[in-house]
Amino acid sequence: ATARAQLVTLLATVAPTHPAWPAPLALPCVVLTEADPFVTEGATFGEVALQFEALLMVRPGSPTAMVDQLDQLTAATLTAIAGEYEWSAGGYSTLTTPDGQSILTARVTITTTKETP
């Protein structure tokens, strides 16, 4: 719980960040959920690796505007977590909302290592 809260606080410096799907969805934002796998064995004895998935989303608009917004949000997110977390970023994709709007998204997997209690 502490690792998630710390990551939500850090990502909130970039965009509104939610630890679960909010209703309603106000864009741009980041939704932080568990990655799959969520918990794995750490590199050394007594450690676990926690993996989160940050779904970055921007406002609907023209394709060029959405790509520009997502480029900026992705760069800001990676800058915020660099040095403190391991990360990998996937390509951009679209998410269709219930009302039929297409939202451009990026998925960033963020990993942190913690000692087991």
Protein backbone atom coordinates (compact mmCIF):
# COMPACT_ATOMS: atom_id res chain seq x y z
CA ALA A 1 0.00 0.00 0.00
CA THR A 2 2.85 2.36 0.81
CA ALA A 3 4.58 1.76 -2.53
CA ARG A 4 1.35 2.51 -4.42
CA ALA A 5 0.68 5.67 -2.40
CA GLN A 6 4.22 6.95 -2.98
CA LEU A 7 3.95 6.32 -6.71
CA VAL A 8 0.51 8.00 -6.92
CA THR A 9 1.93 11.06 -5.12
CA LEU A 10 4.91 11.22 -7.48
CA LEU A 11 2.83 10.79 -10.66
CA ALA A 12 0.35 13.41 -9.43
CA THR A 13 3.08 15.99 -10.05
CA VAL A 14 2.69 15.19 -13.76
CA ALA A 15 -1.09 14.75 -14.14
CA PRO A 16 -4.10 13.91 -11.97
CA THR A 17 -3.41 10.33 -10.86
CA HIS A 18 -5.89 7.75 -9.66
CA PRO A 19 -5.12 4.44 -7.87
CA ALA A 20 -8.23 2.92 -9.49
CA TRP A 21 -10.57 3.79 -12.36
CA PRO A 22 -12.33 7.05 -11.47
CA ALA A 23 -15.86 7.90 -12.43
CA PRO A 24 -16.14 10.19 -14.26
CA LEU A 25 -12.83 10.21 -16.12
CA ALA A 26 -11.31 13.72 -16.37
CA LEU A 27 -8.56 13.94 -18.96
CA PRO A 28 -5.61 14.14 -19.11
CA CYS A 29 -4.86 11.72 -16.30
CA VAL A 30 -2.93 8.67 -15.16
CA VAL A 31 -4.62 5.54 -13.80
CA LEU A 32 -2.26 3.41 -11.74
CA THR A 33 -3.11 -0.29 -11.41
CA GLU A 34 -1.28 -3.52 -10.75
CA ALA A 35 0.77 -4.97 -13.61
CA ASP A 36 0.73 -8.67 -14.42
CA PRO A 37 2.62 -10.08 -12.64
CA PHE A 38 2.17 -7.72 -9.71
CA VAL A 39 4.61 -9.22 -7.19
CA THR A 40 7.70 -11.23 -8.07
CA GLU A 41 10.78 -12.41 -6.26
CA GLY A 42 13.41 -9.70 -5.91
CA ALA A 43 16.98 -9.91 -7.19
CA THR A 44 18.34 -10.55 -3.69
CA PHE A 45 17.10 -12.63 -0.76
CA GLY A 46 14.40 -10.88 1.25
CA GLU A 47 13.24 -8.58 -1.53
CA VAL A 48 10.13 -8.48 -3.68
CA ALA A 49 9.57 -6.56 -6.88
CA LEU A 50 6.24 -4.73 -7.19
CA GLN A 51 5.08 -3.86 -10.70
CA PHE A 52 2.48 -1.26 -11.48
CA GLU A 53 0.96 -0.21 -14.77
CA ALA A 54 0.42 3.47 -15.39
CA LEU A 55 -2.12 4.11 -18.14
CA LEU A 56 -1.55 7.62 -19.46
CA MET A 57 -4.55 9.18 -21.20
CA VAL A 58 -5.08 12.49 -23.00
CA ARG A 59 -8.08 14.47 -24.21
CA PRO A 60 -9.76 13.54 -27.48
CA GLY A 61 -8.82 15.77 -30.38
CA SER A 62 -7.13 15.68 -33.74
CA PRO A 63 -4.60 12.86 -34.19
CA THR A 64 -1.70 15.33 -34.18
CA ALA A 65 -2.92 17.09 -31.03
CA MET A 66 -3.44 13.80 -29.19
CA VAL A 67 0.03 12.52 -30.13
CA ASP A 68 1.61 15.82 -29.04
CA GLN A 69 -0.26 15.72 -25.70
CA LEU A 70 0.68 12.09 -25.09
CA ASP A 71 4.33 12.72 -26.05
CA GLN A 72 4.45 15.48 -23.43
CA LEU A 73 2.67 13.41 -20.76
CA THR A 74 4.87 10.37 -21.42
CA ALA A 75 8.07 12.42 -21.28
CA ALA A 76 6.99 14.12 -18.05
CA THR A 77 6.05 10.76 -16.50
CA LEU A 78 9.36 9.13 -17.41
CA THR A 79 11.27 12.16 -16.12
CA ALA A 80 9.36 11.99 -12.80
CA ILE A 81 10.13 8.30 -12.21
CA ALA A 82 13.66 8.16 -13.66
CA GLY A 83 16.27 7.18 -11.11
CA GLU A 84 13.76 6.01 -8.50
CA TYR A 85 11.99 3.27 -10.43
CA GLU A 86 12.69 0.83 -13.24
CA TRP A 87 10.28 1.28 -16.13
CA SER A 88 9.34 0.14 -19.60
CA ALA A 89 6.99 1.96 -21.95
CA GLY A 90 4.86 0.39 -24.65
CA GLY A 91 3.59 1.93 -27.85
CA TYR A 92 0.57 4.18 -28.05
CA SER A 93 -2.88 2.66 -28.48
CA THR A 94 -6.49 3.81 -28.44
CA LEU A 95 -9.15 3.15 -25.86
CA THR A 96 -12.80 3.58 -26.81
CA THR A 97 -15.03 5.11 -24.18
CA PRO A 98 -18.62 3.95 -23.65
CA ASP A 99 -19.83 7.01 -25.56
CA GLY A 100 -17.68 6.06 -28.58
CA GLN A 101 -14.82 8.55 -28.22
CA SER A 102 -11.31 7.33 -28.95
CA ILE A 103 -8.71 8.24 -26.34
CA LEU A 104 -5.01 7.90 -27.08
CA THR A 105 -3.15 6.05 -24.32
CA ALA A 106 0.32 4.88 -23.36
CA ARG A 107 1.15 2.10 -20.92
CA VAL A 108 4.18 2.42 -18.67
CA THR A 109 5.18 -0.50 -16.45
CA ILE A 110 6.86 0.76 -13.28
CA THR A 111 8.84 -1.54 -10.99
CA THR A 112 10.05 -0.93 -7.47
CA THR A 113 11.89 -3.30 -5.15
CA LYS A 114 11.02 -3.54 -1.46
CA GLU A 115 12.37 -5.59 1.41
CA THR A 116 9.92 -8.16 2.75
CA PRO A 117 8.79 -7.50 6.31
